[in-house]
């Protein structure tokens, strides 16, 4: 069924991989490197952008009409769509497990650099975005609660060689953020979750400058399990917990957001972060930037930057004659130069705004 999406792909029948796919897997296997458990200064992967290049090659192989109208029954017939979907699932699962759910490009990295220094929670076992930032000279510290399989589909298709290499590159101690793993050419990923954000040692850089919080597909595991965040018995949203601990002013989110998803079973909140998180983010912060990033056929990922919103309280005096008590109402203040444009229109009706 073409309704299956990459994040739920298990490919239970272990379909035969083509020679191209086998070569792709071999090219994605990380080379063993020496371990350095210090800081991430000058210790970042120098691999080519295999994720972006492979994704672009796949998408470029499709006719423009198919790529831009993939879910249109008028432009793409079901057998053709199923064949393309199967190709994307095979390639995409490899790339997710080896790299990341979302694809960084030069513009996204430029945005990240502007808002550095950065702290990423839930970076995944690959910490791909963090490594790319480090390569570009961005001050980044990265944490994940699952150093070996975080961010991978079904825990990841980790082979024995990868597992042995991972164990060699682990270092443990009893302090928070002390259990580490070196990946790539020595980039250090630390074990930890949202609670790390309450510690000044990690929430600020060496000059005590607050770090920007970065979240990339923070609740994918929660949402892929079928939880929608509204059930009291549902697992907690990692992203929402981050906002509970975060004391800084800037949050960067990568993934889908409310009202902008193609996946019906994840609508309207998208595939990346919980309703609980998105509601609190929109209530306590305001978006100052939102930009597209490279996407798979079924995704609407963006990079968005959010600033903490100032609040203003107005106290209304009660009427003593009527016995009314005073009441207080809060309003948000968003500086004019931080407001996104109110006028928006799809190309088909853009002329109405002129």
C-alpha atoms as a PDB file:
ATOM      1  CA  UNK A   1       0.000   0.000   0.000  1.00  0.00           C
ATOM      2  CA  UNK A   2       1.336   3.374  -0.970  1.00  0.00           C
ATOM      3  CA  UNK A   3      -0.195   4.872   2.188  1.00  0.00           C
ATOM      4  CA  UNK A   4       2.782   3.653   4.192  1.00  0.00           C
ATOM      5  CA  UNK A   5       5.271   6.420   4.857  1.00  0.00           C
ATOM      6  CA  UNK A   6       9.006   6.175   5.341  1.00  0.00           C
ATOM      7  CA  UNK A   7       8.908   6.588   9.095  1.00  0.00           C
ATOM      8  CA  UNK A   8       6.778   3.427   9.370  1.00  0.00           C
ATOM      9  CA  UNK A   9       8.576   1.420   6.763  1.00  0.00           C
ATOM     10  CA  UNK A  10       9.793  -1.873   8.117  1.00  0.00           C
ATOM     11  CA  UNK A  11       9.956  -3.561   4.688  1.00  0.00           C
ATOM     12  CA  UNK A  12       8.990  -6.850   6.359  1.00  0.00           C
ATOM     13  CA  UNK A  13       9.480  -8.925   3.257  1.00  0.00           C
ATOM     14  CA  UNK A  14      13.125  -7.768   3.013  1.00  0.00           C
ATOM     15  CA  UNK A  15      12.734  -7.062  -0.679  1.00  0.00           C
ATOM     16  CA  UNK A  16      15.807  -7.811  -2.736  1.00  0.00           C
ATOM     17  CA  UNK A  17      18.053  -4.801  -2.928  1.00  0.00           C
ATOM     18  CA  UNK A  18      19.327  -3.831  -6.330  1.00  0.00           C
ATOM     19  CA  UNK A  19      23.035  -3.567  -7.022  1.00  0.00           C
ATOM     20  CA  UNK A  20      22.693   0.222  -6.827  1.00  0.00           C
ATOM     21  CA  UNK A  21      21.213   0.048  -3.328  1.00  0.00           C
ATOM     22  CA  UNK A  22      23.924  -2.319  -2.131  1.00  0.00           C
ATOM     23  CA  UNK A  23      26.587   0.031  -3.428  1.00  0.00           C
ATOM     24  CA  UNK A  24      24.815   2.918  -1.703  1.00  0.00           C
ATOM     25  CA  UNK A  25      24.890   1.094   1.639  1.00  0.00           C
ATOM     26  CA  UNK A  26      28.598   0.408   1.306  1.00  0.00           C
ATOM     27  CA  UNK A  27      29.256   4.051   0.469  1.00  0.00           C
ATOM     28  CA  UNK A  28      27.300   5.178   3.536  1.00  0.00           C
ATOM     29  CA  UNK A  29      29.216   2.986   6.016  1.00  0.00           C
ATOM     30  CA  UNK A  30      31.359   5.206   8.251  1.00  0.00           C
ATOM     31  CA  UNK A  31      35.097   4.622   8.214  1.00  0.00           C
ATOM     32  CA  UNK A  32      36.747   3.764  11.567  1.00  0.00           C
ATOM     33  CA  UNK A  33      38.524   6.741  13.080  1.00  0.00           C
ATOM     34  CA  UNK A  34      40.497   7.488  16.188  1.00  0.00           C
ATOM     35  CA  UNK A  35      38.580   8.477  19.290  1.00  0.00           C
ATOM     36  CA  UNK A  36      38.859  11.837  20.944  1.00  0.00           C
ATOM     37  CA  UNK A  37      36.522  12.430  23.858  1.00  0.00           C
ATOM     38  CA  UNK A  38      37.301  16.094  24.356  1.00  0.00           C
ATOM     39  CA  UNK A  39      35.440  19.039  22.893  1.00  0.00           C
ATOM     40  CA  UNK A  40      34.224  19.212  19.324  1.00  0.00           C
ATOM     41  CA  UNK A  41      36.732  21.859  18.250  1.00  0.00           C
ATOM     42  CA  UNK A  42      38.114  20.813  14.852  1.00  0.00           C
ATOM     43  CA  UNK A  43      36.760  17.281  15.266  1.00  0.00           C
ATOM     44  CA  UNK A  44      33.996  17.069  12.690  1.00  0.00           C
ATOM     45  CA  UNK A  45      33.196  14.733   9.842  1.00  0.00           C
ATOM     46  CA  UNK A  46      34.588  15.807   6.486  1.00  0.00           C
ATOM     47  CA  UNK A  47      32.480  13.385   4.434  1.00  0.00           C
ATOM     48  CA  UNK A  48      30.733  14.711   1.343  1.00  0.00           C
ATOM     49  CA  UNK A  49      27.032  15.548   1.634  1.00  0.00           C
ATOM     50  CA  UNK A  50      25.902  12.044   0.675  1.00  0.00           C
ATOM     51  CA  UNK A  51      22.418  12.625   2.109  1.00  0.00           C
ATOM     52  CA  UNK A  52      21.722  15.759   0.077  1.00  0.00           C
ATOM     53  CA  UNK A  53      23.401  14.413  -3.058  1.00  0.00           C
ATOM     54  CA  UNK A  54      21.616  11.041  -3.000  1.00  0.00           C
ATOM     55  CA  UNK A  55      18.245  12.612  -2.255  1.00  0.00           C
ATOM     56  CA  UNK A  56      18.730  15.160  -5.038  1.00  0.00           C
ATOM     57  CA  UNK A  57      19.786  12.461  -7.501  1.00  0.00           C
ATOM     58  CA  UNK A  58      16.639  10.438  -6.771  1.00  0.00           C
ATOM     59  CA  UNK A  59      14.307  13.422  -7.070  1.00  0.00           C
ATOM     60  CA  UNK A  60      16.031  14.670 -10.228  1.00  0.00           C
ATOM     61  CA  UNK A  61      15.485  11.275 -11.847  1.00  0.00           C
ATOM     62  CA  UNK A  62      11.722  11.898 -11.766  1.00  0.00           C
ATOM     63  CA  UNK A  63       9.899  13.997 -14.374  1.00  0.00           C
ATOM     64  CA  UNK A  64       8.968  17.455 -13.087  1.00  0.00           C
ATOM     65  CA  UNK A  65       5.264  16.684 -13.472  1.00  0.00           C
ATOM     66  CA  UNK A  66       5.568  13.586 -11.320  1.00  0.00           C
ATOM     67  CA  UNK A  67       7.729  15.231  -8.686  1.00  0.00           C
ATOM     68  CA  UNK A  68       5.435  18.231  -8.207  1.00  0.00           C
ATOM     69  CA  UNK A  69       2.139  16.333  -8.518  1.00  0.00           C
ATOM     70  CA  UNK A  70       3.041  13.006  -6.918  1.00  0.00           C
ATOM     71  CA  UNK A  71      -0.234  12.535  -5.014  1.00  0.00           C
ATOM     72  CA  UNK A  72      -2.459  13.681  -7.893  1.00  0.00           C
ATOM     73  CA  UNK A  73      -4.437  10.847  -9.441  1.00  0.00           C
ATOM     74  CA  UNK A  74      -4.750  12.959 -12.580  1.00  0.00           C
ATOM     75  CA  UNK A  75      -0.985  13.262 -13.116  1.00  0.00           C
ATOM     76  CA  UNK A  76       0.340   9.983 -11.658  1.00  0.00           C
ATOM     77  CA  UNK A  77      -1.422   6.623 -11.933  1.00  0.00           C
ATOM     78  CA  UNK A  78      -1.406   4.254  -8.908  1.00  0.00           C
ATOM     79  CA  UNK A  79       1.037   1.639 -10.315  1.00  0.00           C
ATOM     80  CA  UNK A  80       3.567   4.345 -11.216  1.00  0.00           C
ATOM     81  CA  UNK A  81       3.154   5.964  -7.811  1.00  0.00           C
ATOM     82  CA  UNK A  82       3.636   2.628  -6.043  1.00  0.00           C
ATOM     83  CA  UNK A  83       6.848   1.913  -7.969  1.00  0.00           C
ATOM     84  CA  UNK A  84       8.308   5.334  -7.214  1.00  0.00           C
ATOM     85  CA  UNK A  85       7.224   5.099  -3.584  1.00  0.00           C
ATOM     86  CA  UNK A  86       8.995   1.767  -3.203  1.00  0.00           C
ATOM     87  CA  UNK A  87      12.190   3.249  -4.646  1.00  0.00           C
ATOM     88  CA  UNK A  88      12.005   6.225  -2.315  1.00  0.00           C
ATOM     89  CA  UNK A  89      11.339   3.992   0.711  1.00  0.00           C
ATOM     90  CA  UNK A  90      14.356   1.811  -0.023  1.00  0.00           C
ATOM     91  CA  UNK A  91      16.720   4.732  -0.563  1.00  0.00           C
ATOM     92  CA  UNK A  92      15.178   6.876   2.154  1.00  0.00           C
ATOM     93  CA  UNK A  93      15.353   4.280   4.913  1.00  0.00           C
ATOM     94  CA  UNK A  94      19.065   3.807   4.315  1.00  0.00           C
ATOM     95  CA  UNK A  95      19.623   7.553   4.441  1.00  0.00           C
ATOM     96  CA  UNK A  96      17.555   8.036   7.607  1.00  0.00           C
ATOM     97  CA  UNK A  97      19.430   5.284   9.416  1.00  0.00           C
ATOM     98  CA  UNK A  98      22.824   6.525   8.260  1.00  0.00           C
ATOM     99  CA  UNK A  99      22.219  10.260   8.425  1.00  0.00           C
ATOM    100  CA  UNK A 100      19.020  12.098   9.373  1.00  0.00           C
ATOM    101  CA  UNK A 101      15.241  12.385   8.931  1.00  0.00           C
ATOM    102  CA  UNK A 102      15.629  15.891   7.500  1.00  0.00           C
ATOM    103  CA  UNK A 103      18.166  17.210   5.008  1.00  0.00           C
ATOM    104  CA  UNK A 104      20.301  20.279   5.728  1.00  0.00           C
ATOM    105  CA  UNK A 105      21.397  22.500   2.877  1.00  0.00           C
ATOM    106  CA  UNK A 106      23.636  25.577   2.646  1.00  0.00           C
ATOM    107  CA  UNK A 107      20.813  27.992   3.458  1.00  0.00           C
ATOM    108  CA  UNK A 108      19.732  26.050   6.543  1.00  0.00           C
ATOM    109  CA  UNK A 109      23.308  25.958   7.812  1.00  0.00           C
ATOM    110  CA  UNK A 110      23.635  29.706   7.211  1.00  0.00           C
ATOM    111  CA  UNK A 111      20.565  30.218   9.421  1.00  0.00           C
ATOM    112  CA  UNK A 112      21.983  27.952  12.119  1.00  0.00           C
ATOM    113  CA  UNK A 113      25.278  29.835  12.099  1.00  0.00           C
ATOM    114  CA  UNK A 114      23.540  33.185  12.565  1.00  0.00           C
ATOM    115  CA  UNK A 115      21.823  31.945  15.719  1.00  0.00           C
ATOM    116  CA  UNK A 116      24.787  30.094  17.264  1.00  0.00           C
ATOM    117  CA  UNK A 117      25.963  28.894  19.707  1.00  0.00           C
ATOM    118  CA  UNK A 118      23.639  25.871  19.538  1.00  0.00           C
ATOM    119  CA  UNK A 119      22.551  23.032  21.824  1.00  0.00           C
ATOM    120  CA  UNK A 120      20.717  20.133  20.181  1.00  0.00           C
ATOM    121  CA  UNK A 121      18.599  17.700  22.188  1.00  0.00           C
ATOM    122  CA  UNK A 122      17.647  14.456  20.455  1.00  0.00           C
ATOM    123  CA  UNK A 123      20.427  14.690  17.870  1.00  0.00           C
ATOM    124  CA  UNK A 124      20.182  10.970  17.061  1.00  0.00           C
ATOM    125  CA  UNK A 125      22.947   8.394  17.013  1.00  0.00           C
ATOM    126  CA  UNK A 126      24.319   9.945  13.818  1.00  0.00           C
ATOM    127  CA  UNK A 127      24.134  13.585  14.992  1.00  0.00           C
ATOM    128  CA  UNK A 128      24.231  14.490  11.310  1.00  0.00           C
ATOM    129  CA  UNK A 129      22.966  18.065  11.593  1.00  0.00           C
ATOM    130  CA  UNK A 130      25.353  18.692  14.493  1.00  0.00           C
ATOM    131  CA  UNK A 131      28.303  17.338  12.520  1.00  0.00           C
ATOM    132  CA  UNK A 132      27.401  19.493   9.522  1.00  0.00           C
ATOM    133  CA  UNK A 133      27.205  22.545  11.770  1.00  0.00           C
ATOM    134  CA  UNK A 134      30.565  21.726  13.316  1.00  0.00           C
ATOM    135  CA  UNK A 135      32.127  21.437   9.863  1.00  0.00           C
ATOM    136  CA  UNK A 136      30.853  24.941   9.141  1.00  0.00           C
ATOM    137  CA  UNK A 137      32.476  26.337  12.273  1.00  0.00           C
ATOM    138  CA  UNK A 138      29.311  26.576  14.368  1.00  0.00           C
ATOM    139  CA  UNK A 139      29.646  26.140  18.140  1.00  0.00           C
ATOM    140  CA  UNK A 140      27.391  23.111  18.770  1.00  0.00           C
ATOM    141  CA  UNK A 141      26.931  20.611  21.608  1.00  0.00           C
ATOM    142  CA  UNK A 142      24.689  17.625  20.928  1.00  0.00           C
ATOM    143  CA  UNK A 143      22.780  15.236  23.204  1.00  0.00           C
ATOM    144  CA  UNK A 144      20.648  12.148  22.784  1.00  0.00           C
ATOM    145  CA  UNK A 145      19.206   9.696  25.311  1.00  0.00           C
ATOM    146  CA  UNK A 146      19.995   6.761  23.006  1.00  0.00           C
ATOM    147  CA  UNK A 147      23.555   7.049  21.771  1.00  0.00           C
ATOM    148  CA  UNK A 148      23.505   3.883  19.666  1.00  0.00           C
ATOM    149  CA  UNK A 149      20.120   3.903  17.914  1.00  0.00           C
ATOM    150  CA  UNK A 150      18.501   7.291  18.499  1.00  0.00           C
ATOM    151  CA  UNK A 151      16.659   8.662  15.471  1.00  0.00           C
ATOM    152  CA  UNK A 152      16.761   5.432  13.478  1.00  0.00           C
ATOM    153  CA  UNK A 153      13.811   3.590  11.947  1.00  0.00           C
ATOM    154  CA  UNK A 154      12.794   0.731  14.224  1.00  0.00           C
ATOM    155  CA  UNK A 155      15.945   1.192  16.241  1.00  0.00           C
ATOM    156  CA  UNK A 156      18.001   1.180  13.088  1.00  0.00           C
ATOM    157  CA  UNK A 157      19.428  -1.575  10.919  1.00  0.00           C
ATOM    158  CA  UNK A 158      22.741  -1.671  12.766  1.00  0.00           C
ATOM    159  CA  UNK A 159      25.020  -4.490  11.674  1.00  0.00           C
ATOM    160  CA  UNK A 160      27.501  -6.305  13.919  1.00  0.00           C
ATOM    161  CA  UNK A 161      30.497  -4.340  12.670  1.00  0.00           C
ATOM    162  CA  UNK A 162      28.782  -1.024  13.411  1.00  0.00           C
ATOM    163  CA  UNK A 163      27.784  -2.229  16.889  1.00  0.00           C
ATOM    164  CA  UNK A 164      31.335  -3.308  17.769  1.00  0.00           C
ATOM    165  CA  UNK A 165      32.758  -0.045  16.491  1.00  0.00           C
ATOM    166  CA  UNK A 166      30.171   1.894  18.505  1.00  0.00           C
ATOM    167  CA  UNK A 167      31.155   0.119  21.732  1.00  0.00           C
ATOM    168  CA  UNK A 168      34.805   0.951  21.141  1.00  0.00           C
ATOM    169  CA  UNK A 169      33.946   4.615  20.789  1.00  0.00           C
ATOM    170  CA  UNK A 170      31.936   4.899  24.017  1.00  0.00           C
ATOM    171  CA  UNK A 171      33.138   6.527  27.213  1.00  0.00           C
ATOM    172  CA  UNK A 172      31.092   6.548  30.408  1.00  0.00           C
ATOM    173  CA  UNK A 173      31.127   8.408  33.690  1.00  0.00           C
ATOM    174  CA  UNK A 174      28.519   9.187  36.320  1.00  0.00           C
ATOM    175  CA  UNK A 175      27.864  12.860  35.584  1.00  0.00           C
ATOM    176  CA  UNK A 176      25.004  14.256  33.522  1.00  0.00           C
ATOM    177  CA  UNK A 177      26.208  14.620  29.958  1.00  0.00           C
ATOM    178  CA  UNK A 178      29.230  12.518  30.883  1.00  0.00           C
ATOM    179  CA  UNK A 179      28.423   9.369  28.903  1.00  0.00           C
ATOM    180  CA  UNK A 180      29.752  10.155  25.433  1.00  0.00           C
ATOM    181  CA  UNK A 181      30.256   8.650  22.009  1.00  0.00           C
ATOM    182  CA  UNK A 182      32.655   9.803  19.309  1.00  0.00           C
ATOM    183  CA  UNK A 183      31.379   9.630  15.737  1.00  0.00           C
ATOM    184  CA  UNK A 184      32.715  10.668  12.360  1.00  0.00           C
ATOM    185  CA  UNK A 185      36.201  12.083  12.851  1.00  0.00           C
ATOM    186  CA  UNK A 186      35.766  12.480  16.581  1.00  0.00           C
ATOM    187  CA  UNK A 187      32.609  14.591  16.973  1.00  0.00           C
ATOM    188  CA  UNK A 188      31.419  13.989  20.539  1.00  0.00           C
ATOM    189  CA  UNK A 189      27.766  13.190  21.215  1.00  0.00           C
ATOM    190  CA  UNK A 190      26.748  13.198  24.871  1.00  0.00           C
ATOM    191  CA  UNK A 191      24.034  11.182  26.546  1.00  0.00           C
ATOM    192  CA  UNK A 192      21.234  13.317  27.891  1.00  0.00           C
ATOM    193  CA  UNK A 193      17.727  14.604  27.361  1.00  0.00           C
ATOM    194  CA  UNK A 194      15.675  17.724  28.104  1.00  0.00           C
ATOM    195  CA  UNK A 195      16.928  17.945  31.697  1.00  0.00           C
ATOM    196  CA  UNK A 196      20.345  18.962  30.353  1.00  0.00           C
ATOM    197  CA  UNK A 197      18.845  22.342  29.477  1.00  0.00           C
ATOM    198  CA  UNK A 198      18.515  23.161  33.181  1.00  0.00           C
ATOM    199  CA  UNK A 199      22.295  22.967  33.630  1.00  0.00           C
ATOM    200  CA  UNK A 200      24.159  26.208  32.969  1.00  0.00           C
ATOM    201  CA  UNK A 201      27.286  24.242  32.079  1.00  0.00           C
ATOM    202  CA  UNK A 202      25.554  23.014  28.911  1.00  0.00           C
ATOM    203  CA  UNK A 203      22.819  25.619  28.323  1.00  0.00           C
ATOM    204  CA  UNK A 204      25.455  28.372  27.973  1.00  0.00           C
ATOM    205  CA  UNK A 205      28.744  28.489  26.086  1.00  0.00           C
ATOM    206  CA  UNK A 206      32.163  29.203  27.613  1.00  0.00           C
ATOM    207  CA  UNK A 207      31.481  32.941  27.676  1.00  0.00           C
ATOM    208  CA  UNK A 208      28.141  32.316  29.433  1.00  0.00           C
ATOM    209  CA  UNK A 209      26.157  33.173  26.284  1.00  0.00           C
ATOM    210  CA  UNK A 210      22.839  31.248  26.240  1.00  0.00           C
ATOM    211  CA  UNK A 211      22.729  28.641  23.506  1.00  0.00           C
ATOM    212  CA  UNK A 212      19.920  28.427  20.963  1.00  0.00           C
ATOM    213  CA  UNK A 213      17.868  25.247  21.354  1.00  0.00           C
ATOM    214  CA  UNK A 214      17.769  23.135  18.188  1.00  0.00           C
ATOM    215  CA  UNK A 215      15.196  20.371  17.667  1.00  0.00           C
ATOM    216  CA  UNK A 216      15.058  18.229  14.521  1.00  0.00           C
ATOM    217  CA  UNK A 217      12.137  15.776  14.289  1.00  0.00           C
ATOM    218  CA  UNK A 218      12.092  15.686  18.114  1.00  0.00           C
ATOM    219  CA  UNK A 219       8.904  13.614  18.537  1.00  0.00           C
ATOM    220  CA  UNK A 220       9.077  11.327  15.509  1.00  0.00           C
ATOM    221  CA  UNK A 221       9.329   8.221  17.698  1.00  0.00           C
ATOM    222  CA  UNK A 222       6.316   9.360  19.732  1.00  0.00           C
ATOM    223  CA  UNK A 223       4.178  10.114  16.682  1.00  0.00           C
ATOM    224  CA  UNK A 224       5.184   6.970  14.780  1.00  0.00           C
ATOM    225  CA  UNK A 225       3.905   4.985  17.753  1.00  0.00           C
ATOM    226  CA  UNK A 226       0.420   6.331  17.126  1.00  0.00           C
ATOM    227  CA  UNK A 227       0.284   8.769  20.040  1.00  0.00           C
ATOM    228  CA  UNK A 228      -1.202  12.172  19.329  1.00  0.00           C
ATOM    229  CA  UNK A 229      -0.288  13.875  22.575  1.00  0.00           C
ATOM    230  CA  UNK A 230      -3.910  14.251  23.736  1.00  0.00           C
ATOM    231  CA  UNK A 231      -4.120  11.037  25.779  1.00  0.00           C
ATOM    232  CA  UNK A 232      -3.007  11.232  29.411  1.00  0.00           C
ATOM    233  CA  UNK A 233      -1.490   7.756  29.034  1.00  0.00           C
ATOM    234  CA  UNK A 234       0.520   8.700  25.929  1.00  0.00           C
ATOM    235  CA  UNK A 235       4.311   8.883  26.195  1.00  0.00           C
ATOM    236  CA  UNK A 236       5.576  12.359  26.973  1.00  0.00           C
ATOM    237  CA  UNK A 237       6.679  14.672  24.213  1.00  0.00           C
ATOM    238  CA  UNK A 238      10.448  15.135  24.337  1.00  0.00           C
ATOM    239  CA  UNK A 239      10.102  18.479  22.578  1.00  0.00           C
ATOM    240  CA  UNK A 240       7.566  19.740  25.123  1.00  0.00           C
ATOM    241  CA  UNK A 241       9.857  18.670  27.950  1.00  0.00           C
ATOM    242  CA  UNK A 242      12.646  20.693  26.346  1.00  0.00           C
ATOM    243  CA  UNK A 243      10.517  23.837  26.522  1.00  0.00           C
ATOM    244  CA  UNK A 244       9.865  23.080  30.194  1.00  0.00           C
ATOM    245  CA  UNK A 245      13.594  23.148  30.966  1.00  0.00           C
ATOM    246  CA  UNK A 246      14.854  25.670  28.404  1.00  0.00           C
ATOM    247  CA  UNK A 247      15.698  29.104  29.803  1.00  0.00           C
ATOM    248  CA  UNK A 248      17.021  30.742  26.629  1.00  0.00           C
ATOM    249  CA  UNK A 249      15.212  32.952  24.143  1.00  0.00           C
ATOM    250  CA  UNK A 250      15.633  31.230  20.754  1.00  0.00           C
ATOM    251  CA  UNK A 251      14.370  27.877  19.455  1.00  0.00           C
ATOM    252  CA  UNK A 252      15.046  26.421  16.003  1.00  0.00           C
ATOM    253  CA  UNK A 253      12.737  23.648  14.790  1.00  0.00           C
ATOM    254  CA  UNK A 254      13.217  21.422  11.750  1.00  0.00           C
ATOM    255  CA  UNK A 255      10.318  19.340  10.514  1.00  0.00           C
ATOM    256  CA  UNK A 256       6.636  19.761   9.721  1.00  0.00           C
ATOM    257  CA  UNK A 257       4.381  22.192  11.576  1.00  0.00           C
ATOM    258  CA  UNK A 258       0.659  22.665  12.121  1.00  0.00           C
ATOM    259  CA  UNK A 259      -1.396  22.819   8.949  1.00  0.00           C
ATOM    260  CA  UNK A 260       1.478  22.005   6.612  1.00  0.00           C
ATOM    261  CA  UNK A 261       1.641  18.237   6.161  1.00  0.00           C
ATOM    262  CA  UNK A 262       0.690  15.847   3.364  1.00  0.00           C
ATOM    263  CA  UNK A 263       0.274  12.831   5.644  1.00  0.00           C
ATOM    264  CA  UNK A 264      -3.384  12.446   6.607  1.00  0.00           C
ATOM    265  CA  UNK A 265      -2.816  10.247   9.669  1.00  0.00           C
ATOM    266  CA  UNK A 266      -0.518  12.950  11.092  1.00  0.00           C
ATOM    267  CA  UNK A 267      -2.687  15.920  10.137  1.00  0.00           C
ATOM    268  CA  UNK A 268      -2.916  18.658  11.159  1.00  0.00           C
ATOM    269  CA  UNK A 269       0.221  18.636  13.349  1.00  0.00           C
ATOM    270  CA  UNK A 270       2.645  16.937  10.988  1.00  0.00           C
ATOM    271  CA  UNK A 271       5.139  14.099  11.426  1.00  0.00           C
ATOM    272  CA  UNK A 272       7.787  15.816  13.527  1.00  0.00           C
ATOM    273  CA  UNK A 273       6.624  17.284  16.831  1.00  0.00           C
ATOM    274  CA  UNK A 274       3.685  16.808  19.166  1.00  0.00           C
ATOM    275  CA  UNK A 275       0.588  19.008  19.495  1.00  0.00           C
ATOM    276  CA  UNK A 276       1.616  19.731  23.095  1.00  0.00           C
ATOM    277  CA  UNK A 277       4.955  21.122  21.949  1.00  0.00           C
ATOM    278  CA  UNK A 278       3.586  23.124  19.032  1.00  0.00           C
ATOM    279  CA  UNK A 279       0.855  24.704  21.145  1.00  0.00           C
ATOM    280  CA  UNK A 280       3.318  25.802  23.806  1.00  0.00           C
ATOM    281  CA  UNK A 281       5.826  26.985  21.209  1.00  0.00           C
ATOM    282  CA  UNK A 282       3.188  29.180  19.545  1.00  0.00           C
ATOM    283  CA  UNK A 283       1.956  30.471  22.899  1.00  0.00           C
ATOM    284  CA  UNK A 284       5.301  31.391  24.457  1.00  0.00           C
ATOM    285  CA  UNK A 285       7.336  32.200  21.330  1.00  0.00           C
ATOM    286  CA  UNK A 286       6.768  33.878  17.975  1.00  0.00           C
ATOM    287  CA  UNK A 287       8.167  32.766  14.629  1.00  0.00           C
ATOM    288  CA  UNK A 288      10.597  35.192  13.005  1.00  0.00           C
ATOM    289  CA  UNK A 289      11.798  33.007  10.125  1.00  0.00           C
ATOM    290  CA  UNK A 290      10.560  29.986   8.221  1.00  0.00           C
ATOM    291  CA  UNK A 291      12.238  28.498   5.167  1.00  0.00           C
ATOM    292  CA  UNK A 292      11.922  25.335   3.120  1.00  0.00           C
ATOM    293  CA  UNK A 293      14.617  22.674   3.091  1.00  0.00           C
ATOM    294  CA  UNK A 294      15.113  19.748   0.666  1.00  0.00           C
ATOM    295  CA  UNK A 295      12.159  17.368   1.010  1.00  0.00           C
ATOM    296  CA  UNK A 296      11.143  13.872   0.066  1.00  0.00           C
ATOM    297  CA  UNK A 297       7.995  13.482  -2.027  1.00  0.00           C
ATOM    298  CA  UNK A 298       5.703  13.101   0.976  1.00  0.00           C
ATOM    299  CA  UNK A 299       7.263  15.664   3.337  1.00  0.00           C
ATOM    300  CA  UNK A 300       6.825  19.393   3.975  1.00  0.00           C
ATOM    301  CA  UNK A 301       9.805  20.003   6.254  1.00  0.00           C
ATOM    302  CA  UNK A 302      10.909  23.540   7.029  1.00  0.00           C
ATOM    303  CA  UNK A 303      13.443  25.207   9.282  1.00  0.00           C
ATOM    304  CA  UNK A 304      11.803  27.773  11.558  1.00  0.00           C
ATOM    305  CA  UNK A 305      13.247  30.165  14.146  1.00  0.00           C
ATOM    306  CA  UNK A 306      11.249  31.206  17.211  1.00  0.00           C
ATOM    307  CA  UNK A 307      11.941  33.994  19.711  1.00  0.00           C
ATOM    308  CA  UNK A 308      10.574  34.054  23.247  1.00  0.00           C
ATOM    309  CA  UNK A 309       7.683  36.525  23.419  1.00  0.00           C
ATOM    310  CA  UNK A 310       7.484  39.365  25.925  1.00  0.00           C
ATOM    311  CA  UNK A 311       4.307  39.629  27.962  1.00  0.00           C
ATOM    312  CA  UNK A 312       2.385  42.674  29.125  1.00  0.00           C
ATOM    313  CA  UNK A 313      -0.182  42.512  31.939  1.00  0.00           C
ATOM    314  CA  UNK A 314      -3.131  44.898  32.164  1.00  0.00           C
ATOM    315  CA  UNK A 315      -4.965  45.082  35.483  1.00  0.00           C
ATOM    316  CA  UNK A 316      -8.619  46.100  35.323  1.00  0.00           C
ATOM    317  CA  UNK A 317      -9.974  47.694  38.495  1.00  0.00           C
ATOM    318  CA  UNK A 318     -13.165  46.181  39.794  1.00  0.00           C
ATOM    319  CA  UNK A 319     -16.330  48.166  40.500  1.00  0.00           C
ATOM    320  CA  UNK A 320     -16.555  48.493  44.259  1.00  0.00           C
ATOM    321  CA  UNK A 321     -20.259  49.316  44.078  1.00  0.00           C
ATOM    322  CA  UNK A 322     -21.024  46.039  42.350  1.00  0.00           C
ATOM    323  CA  UNK A 323     -18.553  44.059  44.406  1.00  0.00           C
ATOM    324  CA  UNK A 324     -16.433  43.196  41.385  1.00  0.00           C
ATOM    325  CA  UNK A 325     -12.798  42.303  42.086  1.00  0.00           C
ATOM    326  CA  UNK A 326      -9.963  43.444  39.885  1.00  0.00           C
ATOM    327  CA  UNK A 327      -8.846  41.183  37.083  1.00  0.00           C
ATOM    328  CA  UNK A 328      -5.663  40.848  35.084  1.00  0.00           C
ATOM    329  CA  UNK A 329      -5.230  40.017  31.426  1.00  0.00           C
ATOM    330  CA  UNK A 330      -1.976  39.253  29.643  1.00  0.00           C
ATOM    331  CA  UNK A 331      -1.057  40.313  26.132  1.00  0.00           C
ATOM    332  CA  UNK A 332       1.923  39.481  23.961  1.00  0.00           C
ATOM    333  CA  UNK A 333       4.318  42.059  22.623  1.00  0.00           C
ATOM    334  CA  UNK A 334       6.057  41.269  19.334  1.00  0.00           C
ATOM    335  CA  UNK A 335       8.439  43.970  18.067  1.00  0.00           C
ATOM    336  CA  UNK A 336       7.448  45.157  14.566  1.00  0.00           C
ATOM    337  CA  UNK A 337      10.777  44.015  13.103  1.00  0.00           C
ATOM    338  CA  UNK A 338      10.112  40.493  14.415  1.00  0.00           C
ATOM    339  CA  UNK A 339       6.645  40.114  12.883  1.00  0.00           C
ATOM    340  CA  UNK A 340       6.166  37.838   9.902  1.00  0.00           C
ATOM    341  CA  UNK A 341       4.142  39.341   7.020  1.00  0.00           C
ATOM    342  CA  UNK A 342       0.395  38.901   7.413  1.00  0.00           C
ATOM    343  CA  UNK A 343      -0.273  38.851   3.673  1.00  0.00           C
ATOM    344  CA  UNK A 344       0.162  35.404   2.132  1.00  0.00           C
ATOM    345  CA  UNK A 345      -1.277  33.856  -1.008  1.00  0.00           C
ATOM    346  CA  UNK A 346      -0.778  30.757  -3.120  1.00  0.00           C
ATOM    347  CA  UNK A 347       0.462  31.439  -6.682  1.00  0.00           C
ATOM    348  CA  UNK A 348      -3.018  30.843  -8.110  1.00  0.00           C
ATOM    349  CA  UNK A 349      -4.473  33.831  -6.173  1.00  0.00           C
ATOM    350  CA  UNK A 350      -1.347  35.926  -5.635  1.00  0.00           C
ATOM    351  CA  UNK A 351      -2.653  38.551  -8.050  1.00  0.00           C
ATOM    352  CA  UNK A 352      -5.428  39.424  -5.599  1.00  0.00           C
ATOM    353  CA  UNK A 353      -2.890  40.949  -3.214  1.00  0.00           C
ATOM    354  CA  UNK A 354      -1.468  43.385  -5.746  1.00  0.00           C
END
